[in-house]
């Protein structure tokens, strides 16, 4: 009789233990290693970074406009200024020589954005050049200026490889204010790279800072 009771208890304990193991295999707990639970295939593989999207020209321009607005909110801070004097004569070779101060401000706005702003002038002409960079790459150049009664605005938009993708121009003669829509200029396929299509502006910057930007 005593033997039968012991055997019955042992059978019940064995049944309970087997039931617990079966349930555990069906529903592994959160503390378990997924591989040990045999569920590694159920865990999706996480990508380290999103794949870059190939942008159209219009999409890239909109992206640049967003960055431009962001920079306007930041304002010009962390700027270093350099100055250098240029000497120019009037329209005749024997005219008086005049001095004109050229100014370049290099602003490290934050970890992503940098702005290089140049103020250049000569005999009866003046020009302001703003070079916008993100992560050390130029994405936009904005130029305003004038000579005598002619004024202009130039906008240069660049792709992620610093190649020109859009060039917009607005001009006015006779002392009129600039108004109306921009005109899109044809891009020279041989001079798409930023240092080629905008060489004159970088020459002015280098004249002041003494190094290429």
N, C-alpha and C. Protein backbone atom coordinates (compact mmCIF):
# COMPACT_ATOMS: atom_id res chain seq x y z
N UNK A 1 0.84 -1.21 0.00
CA UNK A 1 0.00 0.00 0.00
C UNK A 1 0.87 1.26 0.00
N UNK A 2 1.85 1.27 0.89
CA UNK A 2 2.75 2.39 0.96
C UNK A 2 3.51 2.53 -0.35
N UNK A 3 3.90 1.43 -0.93
CA UNK A 3 4.62 1.46 -2.21
C UNK A 3 3.75 2.06 -3.30
N UNK A 4 2.50 1.74 -3.32
CA UNK A 4 1.59 2.27 -4.36
C UNK A 4 1.41 3.77 -4.23
N UNK A 5 1.34 4.26 -2.98
CA UNK A 5 1.19 5.72 -2.76
C UNK A 5 2.41 6.46 -3.26
N UNK A 6 3.62 5.94 -2.95
CA UNK A 6 4.86 6.57 -3.41
C UNK A 6 4.93 6.60 -4.93
N UNK A 7 4.53 5.50 -5.55
CA UNK A 7 4.55 5.42 -7.02
C UNK A 7 3.58 6.42 -7.63
N UNK A 8 2.42 6.61 -6.99
CA UNK A 8 1.42 7.56 -7.49
C UNK A 8 1.93 8.99 -7.41
N UNK A 9 2.55 9.32 -6.27
CA UNK A 9 3.10 10.69 -6.11
C UNK A 9 4.19 10.96 -7.14
N UNK A 10 5.05 9.98 -7.34
CA UNK A 10 6.15 10.13 -8.31
C UNK A 10 5.60 10.35 -9.72
N UNK A 11 4.53 9.63 -10.07
CA UNK A 11 3.92 9.75 -11.40
C UNK A 11 3.32 11.13 -11.60
N UNK A 12 2.65 11.65 -10.55
CA UNK A 12 2.04 12.99 -10.64
C UNK A 12 3.12 14.05 -10.83
N UNK A 13 4.22 13.97 -10.04
CA UNK A 13 5.31 14.95 -10.17
C UNK A 13 5.94 14.90 -11.55
N UNK A 14 6.12 13.72 -12.09
CA UNK A 14 6.71 13.56 -13.41
C UNK A 14 5.80 14.17 -14.47
N UNK A 15 4.50 14.00 -14.34
CA UNK A 15 3.53 14.55 -15.31
C UNK A 15 3.55 16.08 -15.27
N UNK A 16 3.59 16.66 -14.08
CA UNK A 16 3.62 18.13 -13.93
C UNK A 16 4.89 18.70 -14.54
N UNK A 17 6.02 18.02 -14.29
CA UNK A 17 7.30 18.51 -14.82
C UNK A 17 7.31 18.48 -16.34
N UNK A 18 6.80 17.42 -16.92
CA UNK A 18 6.75 17.31 -18.38
C UNK A 18 5.84 18.38 -18.98
N UNK A 19 4.73 18.67 -18.30
CA UNK A 19 3.79 19.68 -18.78
C UNK A 19 4.43 21.07 -18.78
N UNK A 20 5.22 21.37 -17.71
CA UNK A 20 5.89 22.67 -17.63
C UNK A 20 6.92 22.83 -18.75
N UNK A 21 7.69 21.78 -19.03
CA UNK A 21 8.69 21.85 -20.10
C UNK A 21 8.05 22.06 -21.46
N UNK A 22 6.92 21.37 -21.68
CA UNK A 22 6.22 21.50 -22.96
C UNK A 22 5.71 22.93 -23.15
N UNK A 23 5.14 23.50 -22.11
CA UNK A 23 4.61 24.87 -22.18
C UNK A 23 5.74 25.88 -22.38
N UNK A 24 6.87 25.66 -21.75
CA UNK A 24 8.03 26.54 -21.85
C UNK A 24 8.58 26.57 -23.26
N UNK A 25 8.62 25.40 -23.91
CA UNK A 25 9.11 25.33 -25.29
C UNK A 25 8.18 26.04 -26.26
N UNK A 26 6.87 26.01 -25.98
CA UNK A 26 5.92 26.68 -26.86
C UNK A 26 5.98 28.19 -26.70
N UNK A 27 6.22 28.70 -25.45
CA UNK A 27 6.20 30.12 -25.16
C UNK A 27 7.46 30.52 -24.40
N UNK A 28 8.59 30.72 -25.11
CA UNK A 28 9.82 31.13 -24.42
C UNK A 28 9.64 32.49 -23.77
N UNK A 29 10.18 32.68 -22.58
CA UNK A 29 10.03 33.93 -21.85
C UNK A 29 10.95 34.99 -22.43
N UNK A 30 10.68 36.28 -22.06
CA UNK A 30 11.45 37.42 -22.58
C UNK A 30 12.87 37.41 -22.07
N UNK A 31 13.17 36.69 -21.01
CA UNK A 31 14.52 36.65 -20.45
C UNK A 31 15.43 35.68 -21.20
N UNK A 32 14.88 34.94 -22.10
CA UNK A 32 15.67 33.94 -22.80
C UNK A 32 16.36 34.53 -24.01
N UNK A 33 17.48 33.96 -24.36
CA UNK A 33 18.15 34.30 -25.61
C UNK A 33 17.33 33.73 -26.76
N UNK A 34 16.93 34.55 -27.76
CA UNK A 34 16.11 34.05 -28.87
C UNK A 34 16.73 32.87 -29.58
N UNK A 35 18.05 32.84 -29.69
CA UNK A 35 18.70 31.73 -30.38
C UNK A 35 18.57 30.45 -29.58
N UNK A 36 18.68 30.55 -28.25
CA UNK A 36 18.56 29.37 -27.41
C UNK A 36 17.13 28.83 -27.44
N UNK A 37 16.15 29.72 -27.65
CA UNK A 37 14.76 29.30 -27.70
C UNK A 37 14.37 28.80 -29.08
N UNK A 38 15.30 28.84 -30.02
CA UNK A 38 15.04 28.37 -31.38
C UNK A 38 14.17 29.32 -32.18
N UNK A 39 14.14 30.63 -31.84
CA UNK A 39 13.25 31.57 -32.53
C UNK A 39 14.02 32.67 -33.25
N UNK A 40 15.32 32.44 -33.57
CA UNK A 40 16.10 33.49 -34.21
C UNK A 40 15.52 33.93 -35.54
N UNK A 41 14.83 33.09 -36.25
CA UNK A 41 14.26 33.44 -37.54
C UNK A 41 13.04 34.34 -37.41
N UNK A 42 12.47 34.39 -36.19
CA UNK A 42 11.30 35.23 -35.97
C UNK A 42 11.68 36.67 -35.67
N UNK A 43 12.95 36.95 -35.36
CA UNK A 43 13.41 38.30 -35.04
C UNK A 43 13.87 38.98 -36.32
N UNK A 44 13.23 40.11 -36.75
CA UNK A 44 13.61 40.76 -38.00
C UNK A 44 15.01 41.35 -37.92
N UNK A 45 15.74 41.30 -39.02
CA UNK A 45 17.10 41.84 -39.07
C UNK A 45 17.02 43.35 -39.19
N UNK A 46 17.69 44.09 -38.27
CA UNK A 46 17.66 45.54 -38.26
C UNK A 46 18.80 46.10 -39.11
N UNK A 47 18.46 47.08 -39.98
CA UNK A 47 19.49 47.70 -40.82
C UNK A 47 20.23 48.75 -40.00
N UNK A 48 21.52 48.86 -40.23
CA UNK A 48 22.33 49.81 -39.49
C UNK A 48 21.98 51.24 -39.87
N UNK A 49 21.64 51.51 -41.11
CA UNK A 49 21.22 52.85 -41.54
C UNK A 49 20.34 52.73 -42.77
N UNK A 50 19.49 53.74 -42.94
CA UNK A 50 18.56 53.73 -44.07
C UNK A 50 19.31 53.97 -45.37
N UNK A 51 18.88 53.31 -46.42
CA UNK A 51 19.52 53.53 -47.71
C UNK A 51 19.19 54.93 -48.22
N UNK A 52 20.20 55.57 -48.82
CA UNK A 52 19.99 56.92 -49.35
C UNK A 52 19.02 56.89 -50.52
N UNK A 53 18.15 57.87 -50.52
CA UNK A 53 17.16 57.97 -51.60
C UNK A 53 17.74 58.82 -52.73
N UNK A 54 17.56 58.35 -53.95
CA UNK A 54 18.01 59.10 -55.11
C UNK A 54 16.99 60.21 -55.39
N UNK A 55 17.45 61.46 -55.27
CA UNK A 55 16.54 62.60 -55.41
C UNK A 55 16.53 63.14 -56.84
N UNK A 56 15.37 63.57 -57.29
CA UNK A 56 15.28 64.30 -58.55
C UNK A 56 15.79 65.72 -58.33
N UNK A 57 15.94 66.48 -59.40
CA UNK A 57 16.41 67.86 -59.28
C UNK A 57 15.45 68.67 -58.42
N UNK A 58 14.16 68.55 -58.67
CA UNK A 58 13.17 69.30 -57.89
C UNK A 58 13.19 68.91 -56.42
N UNK A 59 13.34 67.62 -56.14
CA UNK A 59 13.39 67.16 -54.75
C UNK A 59 14.64 67.67 -54.05
N UNK A 60 15.76 67.66 -54.78
CA UNK A 60 17.01 68.17 -54.19
C UNK A 60 16.90 69.67 -53.90
N UNK A 61 16.31 70.42 -54.82
CA UNK A 61 16.14 71.86 -54.61
C UNK A 61 15.27 72.12 -53.39
N UNK A 62 14.20 71.35 -53.21
CA UNK A 62 13.35 71.51 -52.04
C UNK A 62 14.11 71.17 -50.76
N UNK A 63 14.95 70.15 -50.82
CA UNK A 63 15.78 69.78 -49.67
C UNK A 63 16.71 70.94 -49.31
N UNK A 64 17.31 71.54 -50.33
CA UNK A 64 18.23 72.67 -50.11
C UNK A 64 17.50 73.85 -49.51
N UNK A 65 16.29 74.13 -49.99
CA UNK A 65 15.51 75.23 -49.43
C UNK A 65 15.19 75.00 -47.96
N UNK A 66 14.96 73.75 -47.61
CA UNK A 66 14.73 73.43 -46.20
C UNK A 66 15.96 73.70 -45.36
N UNK A 67 17.14 73.28 -45.85
CA UNK A 67 18.39 73.55 -45.14
C UNK A 67 18.63 75.06 -45.02
N UNK A 68 18.32 75.79 -46.10
CA UNK A 68 18.50 77.25 -46.10
C UNK A 68 17.65 77.89 -45.01
N UNK A 69 16.39 77.49 -44.91
CA UNK A 69 15.51 78.03 -43.88
C UNK A 69 16.03 77.69 -42.48
N UNK A 70 16.55 76.50 -42.34
CA UNK A 70 17.10 76.09 -41.04
C UNK A 70 18.27 76.98 -40.65
N UNK A 71 19.12 77.30 -41.63
CA UNK A 71 20.28 78.16 -41.38
C UNK A 71 19.85 79.58 -41.02
N UNK A 72 18.81 80.08 -41.67
CA UNK A 72 18.32 81.43 -41.35
C UNK A 72 17.85 81.51 -39.90
N UNK A 73 17.29 80.43 -39.39
CA UNK A 73 16.84 80.40 -38.01
C UNK A 73 18.03 80.38 -37.04
N UNK A 74 19.11 79.71 -37.45
CA UNK A 74 20.30 79.63 -36.60
C UNK A 74 20.96 81.00 -36.49
N UNK A 75 21.03 81.72 -37.63
CA UNK A 75 21.71 83.02 -37.64
C UNK A 75 23.21 82.86 -37.77
N UNK A 76 23.89 83.97 -37.99
CA UNK A 76 25.35 83.94 -38.16
C UNK A 76 26.02 83.96 -36.79
N UNK A 77 26.60 82.82 -36.42
CA UNK A 77 27.34 82.75 -35.17
C UNK A 77 28.61 81.96 -35.36
N UNK A 78 29.49 82.02 -34.37
CA UNK A 78 30.80 81.36 -34.42
C UNK A 78 31.56 81.77 -35.69
N UNK A 79 31.57 83.07 -35.96
CA UNK A 79 32.17 83.58 -37.19
C UNK A 79 33.58 84.13 -36.96
N UNK A 80 34.43 83.92 -37.94
CA UNK A 80 35.76 84.51 -37.97
C UNK A 80 35.84 85.41 -39.20
N UNK A 81 36.35 86.61 -39.02
CA UNK A 81 36.36 87.61 -40.09
C UNK A 81 37.78 87.92 -40.53
N UNK A 82 37.96 87.99 -41.86
CA UNK A 82 39.24 88.41 -42.43
C UNK A 82 38.99 89.55 -43.41
N UNK A 83 39.95 90.47 -43.48
CA UNK A 83 39.84 91.62 -44.36
C UNK A 83 41.11 91.79 -45.18
N UNK A 84 40.92 92.31 -46.38
CA UNK A 84 42.07 92.61 -47.22
C UNK A 84 41.69 93.74 -48.17
N UNK A 85 42.65 94.60 -48.46
CA UNK A 85 42.38 95.77 -49.28
C UNK A 85 42.74 95.51 -50.74
N UNK A 86 41.82 95.88 -51.61
CA UNK A 86 42.06 95.84 -53.05
C UNK A 86 42.18 97.28 -53.56
N UNK A 87 43.10 97.48 -54.52
CA UNK A 87 43.29 98.81 -55.10
C UNK A 87 42.89 98.76 -56.57
N UNK A 88 42.05 99.71 -56.96
CA UNK A 88 41.60 99.78 -58.35
C UNK A 88 41.60 101.24 -58.81
N UNK A 89 41.91 101.41 -60.06
CA UNK A 89 41.83 102.74 -60.67
C UNK A 89 40.47 102.93 -61.31
N UNK A 90 40.21 104.15 -61.73
CA UNK A 90 38.98 104.45 -62.44
C UNK A 90 39.01 103.84 -63.83
N UNK A 91 38.16 104.34 -64.70
CA UNK A 91 38.05 103.75 -66.02
C UNK A 91 39.23 104.08 -66.93
N UNK A 92 39.99 105.08 -66.61
CA UNK A 92 41.18 105.42 -67.42
C UNK A 92 42.44 105.00 -66.69
N UNK A 93 43.46 104.70 -67.45
CA UNK A 93 44.70 104.18 -66.86
C UNK A 93 45.43 105.21 -66.01
N UNK A 94 45.18 106.48 -66.24
CA UNK A 94 45.89 107.52 -65.49
C UNK A 94 45.03 108.12 -64.38
N UNK A 95 43.90 107.49 -64.09
CA UNK A 95 43.02 108.00 -63.04
C UNK A 95 43.56 107.65 -61.66
N UNK A 96 42.97 108.26 -60.66
CA UNK A 96 43.39 108.04 -59.28
C UNK A 96 43.12 106.60 -58.86
N UNK A 97 43.99 106.06 -58.01
CA UNK A 97 43.80 104.71 -57.49
C UNK A 97 43.01 104.77 -56.19
N UNK A 98 42.00 103.92 -56.11
CA UNK A 98 41.15 103.89 -54.93
C UNK A 98 41.33 102.56 -54.18
N UNK A 99 41.10 102.60 -52.86
CA UNK A 99 41.21 101.39 -52.04
C UNK A 99 39.82 100.89 -51.65
N UNK A 100 39.66 99.57 -51.68
CA UNK A 100 38.38 98.95 -51.34
C UNK A 100 38.64 97.78 -50.40
N UNK A 101 37.94 97.77 -49.27
CA UNK A 101 38.11 96.70 -48.29
C UNK A 101 37.25 95.50 -48.67
N UNK A 102 37.87 94.33 -48.73
CA UNK A 102 37.18 93.07 -49.02
C UNK A 102 37.05 92.29 -47.71
N UNK A 103 35.88 91.72 -47.48
CA UNK A 103 35.62 91.06 -46.20
C UNK A 103 35.09 89.64 -46.44
N UNK A 104 35.60 88.69 -45.67
CA UNK A 104 35.10 87.31 -45.71
C UNK A 104 34.86 86.85 -44.27
N UNK A 105 33.64 86.37 -44.03
CA UNK A 105 33.29 85.79 -42.73
C UNK A 105 33.07 84.30 -42.91
N UNK A 106 33.74 83.50 -42.10
CA UNK A 106 33.56 82.05 -42.10
C UNK A 106 32.89 81.67 -40.79
N UNK A 107 31.68 81.12 -40.90
CA UNK A 107 30.86 80.85 -39.71
C UNK A 107 30.59 79.35 -39.57
N UNK A 108 31.06 78.77 -38.47
CA UNK A 108 30.76 77.38 -38.14
C UNK A 108 29.44 77.38 -37.36
N UNK A 109 28.33 77.24 -38.06
CA UNK A 109 27.03 77.42 -37.44
C UNK A 109 26.70 76.33 -36.42
N UNK A 110 26.97 75.09 -36.78
CA UNK A 110 26.81 73.96 -35.86
C UNK A 110 27.60 72.79 -36.43
N UNK A 111 27.34 71.59 -35.95
CA UNK A 111 28.10 70.43 -36.40
C UNK A 111 27.88 70.12 -37.88
N UNK A 112 26.75 70.54 -38.42
CA UNK A 112 26.40 70.22 -39.80
C UNK A 112 26.68 71.35 -40.79
N UNK A 113 26.35 72.58 -40.40
CA UNK A 113 26.32 73.68 -41.35
C UNK A 113 27.46 74.68 -41.18
N UNK A 114 27.93 75.18 -42.32
CA UNK A 114 28.94 76.23 -42.36
C UNK A 114 28.53 77.25 -43.41
N UNK A 115 28.77 78.52 -43.12
CA UNK A 115 28.45 79.60 -44.05
C UNK A 115 29.69 80.44 -44.28
N UNK A 116 30.02 80.66 -45.56
CA UNK A 116 31.11 81.56 -45.92
C UNK A 116 30.49 82.75 -46.63
N UNK A 117 30.65 83.92 -46.06
CA UNK A 117 29.99 85.12 -46.59
C UNK A 117 31.06 86.15 -46.97
N UNK A 118 31.06 86.54 -48.24
CA UNK A 118 32.03 87.50 -48.73
C UNK A 118 31.37 88.79 -49.17
N UNK A 119 32.00 89.92 -48.84
CA UNK A 119 31.55 91.24 -49.27
C UNK A 119 32.69 91.86 -50.08
N UNK A 120 32.48 91.97 -51.38
CA UNK A 120 33.54 92.40 -52.29
C UNK A 120 33.10 93.66 -53.03
N UNK A 121 34.07 94.50 -53.36
CA UNK A 121 33.75 95.72 -54.09
C UNK A 121 34.97 96.23 -54.84
N UNK A 122 34.70 97.07 -55.81
CA UNK A 122 35.74 97.70 -56.60
C UNK A 122 35.21 99.03 -57.12
N UNK A 123 35.82 99.53 -58.15
CA UNK A 123 35.42 100.82 -58.68
C UNK A 123 34.06 100.70 -59.37
N UNK A 124 33.04 101.26 -58.74
CA UNK A 124 31.66 101.28 -59.20
C UNK A 124 31.05 99.88 -59.37
N UNK A 125 31.44 98.95 -58.51
CA UNK A 125 30.78 97.65 -58.46
C UNK A 125 30.85 97.09 -57.04
N UNK A 126 29.90 96.26 -56.70
CA UNK A 126 29.88 95.61 -55.39
C UNK A 126 29.17 94.27 -55.52
N UNK A 127 29.55 93.34 -54.66
CA UNK A 127 29.00 91.98 -54.75
C UNK A 127 29.04 91.31 -53.38
N UNK A 128 27.97 90.58 -53.07
CA UNK A 128 27.91 89.78 -51.85
C UNK A 128 27.73 88.31 -52.24
N UNK A 129 28.58 87.46 -51.70
CA UNK A 129 28.57 86.03 -52.03
C UNK A 129 28.38 85.22 -50.75
N UNK A 130 27.38 84.35 -50.75
CA UNK A 130 27.15 83.46 -49.60
C UNK A 130 27.26 82.02 -50.06
N UNK A 131 28.18 81.28 -49.46
CA UNK A 131 28.43 79.88 -49.79
C UNK A 131 27.95 79.02 -48.63
N UNK A 132 27.00 78.15 -48.90
CA UNK A 132 26.40 77.32 -47.86
C UNK A 132 26.93 75.88 -47.97
N UNK A 133 27.36 75.36 -46.82
CA UNK A 133 27.93 74.01 -46.79
C UNK A 133 27.24 73.17 -45.72
N UNK A 134 27.09 71.89 -46.05
CA UNK A 134 26.57 70.93 -45.08
C UNK A 134 27.51 69.72 -45.05
N UNK A 135 28.01 69.41 -43.88
CA UNK A 135 28.96 68.32 -43.72
C UNK A 135 30.11 68.46 -44.72
N UNK A 136 30.66 69.67 -44.81
CA UNK A 136 31.84 70.01 -45.63
C UNK A 136 31.57 69.99 -47.13
N UNK A 137 30.32 69.91 -47.55
CA UNK A 137 30.01 69.92 -48.98
C UNK A 137 29.12 71.11 -49.31
N UNK A 138 29.46 71.81 -50.39
CA UNK A 138 28.70 72.98 -50.81
C UNK A 138 27.40 72.52 -51.46
N UNK A 139 26.27 73.09 -50.98
CA UNK A 139 24.99 72.73 -51.58
C UNK A 139 24.26 73.93 -52.20
N UNK A 140 24.69 75.17 -51.86
CA UNK A 140 23.98 76.33 -52.37
C UNK A 140 24.90 77.55 -52.34
N UNK A 141 24.83 78.37 -53.39
CA UNK A 141 25.54 79.65 -53.43
C UNK A 141 24.54 80.72 -53.84
N UNK A 142 24.50 81.79 -53.07
CA UNK A 142 23.60 82.92 -53.37
C UNK A 142 24.45 84.16 -53.57
N UNK A 143 24.24 84.85 -54.69
CA UNK A 143 25.05 86.01 -55.05
C UNK A 143 24.14 87.19 -55.37
N UNK A 144 24.46 88.34 -54.80
CA UNK A 144 23.78 89.58 -55.17
C UNK A 144 24.83 90.63 -55.47
N UNK A 145 24.50 91.57 -56.34
CA UNK A 145 25.46 92.60 -56.66
C UNK A 145 24.96 93.57 -57.70
N UNK A 146 25.86 94.44 -58.10
CA UNK A 146 25.51 95.42 -59.10
C UNK A 146 26.72 96.20 -59.57
N UNK A 147 26.56 96.82 -60.72
CA UNK A 147 27.60 97.68 -61.29
C UNK A 147 26.89 98.80 -62.04
N UNK A 148 27.21 100.05 -61.67
CA UNK A 148 26.51 101.20 -62.23
C UNK A 148 25.00 101.05 -62.03
N UNK A 149 24.21 100.91 -63.07
CA UNK A 149 22.75 100.83 -62.93
C UNK A 149 22.22 99.41 -63.10
N UNK A 150 23.10 98.42 -63.09
CA UNK A 150 22.70 97.03 -63.29
C UNK A 150 22.79 96.28 -61.97
N UNK A 151 21.75 95.55 -61.60
CA UNK A 151 21.73 94.75 -60.39
C UNK A 151 21.33 93.32 -60.72
N UNK A 152 21.72 92.37 -59.88
CA UNK A 152 21.47 90.96 -60.19
C UNK A 152 21.40 90.11 -58.93
N UNK A 153 20.78 88.93 -59.08
CA UNK A 153 20.74 87.86 -58.08
C UNK A 153 21.01 86.55 -58.79
N UNK A 154 21.92 85.76 -58.25
CA UNK A 154 22.22 84.45 -58.82
C UNK A 154 22.03 83.39 -57.73
N UNK A 155 21.39 82.29 -58.11
CA UNK A 155 21.21 81.16 -57.20
C UNK A 155 21.78 79.91 -57.85
N UNK A 156 22.68 79.24 -57.15
CA UNK A 156 23.30 78.01 -57.64
C UNK A 156 22.94 76.87 -56.70
N UNK A 157 22.33 75.83 -57.23
CA UNK A 157 21.96 74.65 -56.46
C UNK A 157 22.83 73.46 -56.88
N UNK A 158 23.34 72.72 -55.89
CA UNK A 158 24.28 71.64 -56.17
C UNK A 158 23.78 70.30 -55.62
N UNK A 159 24.18 69.21 -56.28
CA UNK A 159 23.84 67.89 -55.78
C UNK A 159 24.84 67.46 -54.71
N UNK A 160 24.72 66.22 -54.24
CA UNK A 160 25.58 65.75 -53.15
C UNK A 160 27.04 65.59 -53.55
N UNK A 161 27.31 65.64 -54.85
CA UNK A 161 28.70 65.59 -55.35
C UNK A 161 29.22 66.96 -55.73
N UNK A 162 28.50 68.02 -55.35
CA UNK A 162 28.87 69.41 -55.61
C UNK A 162 28.87 69.75 -57.10
N UNK A 163 27.96 69.13 -57.84
CA UNK A 163 27.76 69.46 -59.25
C UNK A 163 26.51 70.31 -59.39
N UNK A 164 26.58 71.32 -60.24
CA UNK A 164 25.47 72.25 -60.43
C UNK A 164 24.28 71.54 -61.08
N UNK A 165 23.10 71.69 -60.46
CA UNK A 165 21.90 71.07 -61.02
C UNK A 165 20.86 72.12 -61.42
N UNK A 166 20.99 73.34 -60.87
CA UNK A 166 20.07 74.41 -61.26
C UNK A 166 20.72 75.77 -61.02
N UNK A 167 20.57 76.68 -62.02
CA UNK A 167 21.13 78.02 -61.92
C UNK A 167 20.03 79.02 -62.26
N UNK A 168 19.60 79.80 -61.26
CA UNK A 168 18.53 80.76 -61.43
C UNK A 168 19.07 82.18 -61.38
N UNK A 169 18.53 83.05 -62.24
CA UNK A 169 19.03 84.42 -62.37
C UNK A 169 17.86 85.40 -62.36
N UNK A 170 18.08 86.53 -61.67
CA UNK A 170 17.16 87.68 -61.78
C UNK A 170 18.01 88.93 -61.94
N UNK A 171 17.64 89.80 -62.88
CA UNK A 171 18.43 90.99 -63.17
C UNK A 171 17.51 92.19 -63.39
N UNK A 172 18.11 93.38 -63.25
CA UNK A 172 17.37 94.62 -63.52
C UNK A 172 18.36 95.67 -64.02
N UNK A 173 17.92 96.44 -65.00
CA UNK A 173 18.74 97.52 -65.56
C UNK A 173 18.10 98.87 -65.26
N UNK A 174 18.89 99.91 -65.50
CA UNK A 174 18.37 101.26 -65.36
C UNK A 174 18.07 101.68 -63.95
N UNK A 175 18.68 101.01 -62.96
CA UNK A 175 18.45 101.37 -61.57
C UNK A 175 17.16 100.84 -60.99
N UNK A 176 16.43 100.01 -61.75
CA UNK A 176 15.18 99.44 -61.24
C UNK A 176 15.46 98.37 -60.19
N UNK A 177 14.48 98.17 -59.31
CA UNK A 177 14.59 97.09 -58.34
C UNK A 177 14.34 95.75 -59.03
N UNK A 178 15.00 94.73 -58.52
CA UNK A 178 14.81 93.39 -59.07
C UNK A 178 13.40 92.91 -58.73
N UNK A 179 12.70 92.41 -59.72
CA UNK A 179 11.35 91.89 -59.50
C UNK A 179 11.05 90.82 -60.53
N UNK A 180 9.94 90.14 -60.35
CA UNK A 180 9.54 89.11 -61.31
C UNK A 180 10.18 87.77 -61.02
N UNK A 181 9.84 86.77 -61.82
CA UNK A 181 10.34 85.41 -61.59
C UNK A 181 11.80 85.25 -61.99
N UNK A 182 12.40 84.16 -61.49
CA UNK A 182 13.76 83.81 -61.87
C UNK A 182 13.78 83.21 -63.27
N UNK A 183 14.90 83.40 -63.94
CA UNK A 183 15.14 82.76 -65.23
C UNK A 183 16.14 81.63 -65.02
N UNK A 184 15.83 80.44 -65.53
CA UNK A 184 16.75 79.31 -65.37
C UNK A 184 17.75 79.30 -66.52
N UNK A 185 19.03 79.30 -66.16
CA UNK A 185 20.10 79.30 -67.14
C UNK A 185 20.52 77.87 -67.50
N UNK A 186 20.93 77.71 -68.73
CA UNK A 186 21.42 76.41 -69.17
C UNK A 186 22.75 76.10 -68.50
N UNK A 187 22.91 74.86 -68.09
CA UNK A 187 24.13 74.44 -67.39
C UNK A 187 25.15 73.91 -68.39
N UNK A 188 26.36 74.41 -68.28
CA UNK A 188 27.46 73.93 -69.11
C UNK A 188 27.93 72.57 -68.57
N UNK A 189 27.76 71.53 -69.35
CA UNK A 189 28.11 70.18 -68.90
C UNK A 189 29.58 70.04 -68.54
N UNK A 190 30.44 70.88 -69.14
CA UNK A 190 31.88 70.82 -68.87
C UNK A 190 32.28 71.63 -67.64
N UNK A 191 31.34 72.42 -67.14
CA UNK A 191 31.64 73.25 -65.97
C UNK A 191 30.55 73.12 -64.92
N UNK A 192 30.22 71.89 -64.59
CA UNK A 192 29.18 71.64 -63.60
C UNK A 192 29.72 71.65 -62.17
N UNK A 193 30.97 71.26 -62.00
CA UNK A 193 31.53 71.16 -60.66
C UNK A 193 31.61 72.55 -60.03
N UNK A 194 31.37 72.63 -58.74
CA UNK A 194 31.24 73.91 -58.06
C UNK A 194 32.45 74.82 -58.25
N UNK A 195 33.64 74.27 -58.20
CA UNK A 195 34.83 75.11 -58.32
C UNK A 195 35.07 75.59 -59.75
N UNK A 196 34.34 75.01 -60.72
CA UNK A 196 34.43 75.46 -62.10
C UNK A 196 33.35 76.50 -62.43
N UNK A 197 32.10 76.18 -62.10
CA UNK A 197 31.01 77.08 -62.46
C UNK A 197 30.97 78.33 -61.58
N UNK A 198 31.60 78.27 -60.41
CA UNK A 198 31.61 79.42 -59.51
C UNK A 198 33.03 79.88 -59.19
N UNK A 199 33.94 79.69 -60.14
CA UNK A 199 35.36 79.95 -59.91
C UNK A 199 35.62 81.39 -59.48
N UNK A 200 34.95 82.36 -60.11
CA UNK A 200 35.22 83.78 -59.81
C UNK A 200 34.95 84.11 -58.35
N UNK A 201 33.95 83.46 -57.74
CA UNK A 201 33.63 83.73 -56.34
C UNK A 201 34.69 83.15 -55.41
N UNK A 202 35.18 81.98 -55.74
CA UNK A 202 36.23 81.37 -54.92
C UNK A 202 37.56 82.10 -55.07
N UNK A 203 37.78 82.70 -56.24
CA UNK A 203 38.97 83.53 -56.42
C UNK A 203 38.92 84.73 -55.49
N UNK A 204 37.74 85.33 -55.35
CA UNK A 204 37.58 86.48 -54.45
C UNK A 204 37.80 86.05 -53.00
N UNK A 205 37.24 84.91 -52.63
CA UNK A 205 37.40 84.42 -51.26
C UNK A 205 38.86 84.11 -50.97
N UNK A 206 39.51 83.46 -51.92
CA UNK A 206 40.93 83.11 -51.71
C UNK A 206 41.80 84.34 -51.63
N UNK A 207 41.45 85.38 -52.36
CA UNK A 207 42.21 86.65 -52.30
C UNK A 207 42.26 87.18 -50.88
N UNK A 208 41.15 87.04 -50.15
CA UNK A 208 41.06 87.56 -48.78
C UNK A 208 41.64 86.61 -47.75
N UNK A 209 41.26 85.35 -47.81
CA UNK A 209 41.67 84.40 -46.76
C UNK A 209 43.03 83.76 -47.05
N UNK A 210 43.46 83.83 -48.30
CA UNK A 210 44.76 83.29 -48.64
C UNK A 210 44.80 81.80 -48.80
N UNK A 211 43.65 81.16 -48.91
CA UNK A 211 43.58 79.71 -49.15
C UNK A 211 42.25 79.41 -49.81
N UNK A 212 42.19 78.29 -50.53
CA UNK A 212 40.98 77.89 -51.22
C UNK A 212 40.00 77.32 -50.23
N UNK A 213 38.69 77.55 -50.52
CA UNK A 213 37.63 77.00 -49.67
C UNK A 213 36.80 76.03 -50.50
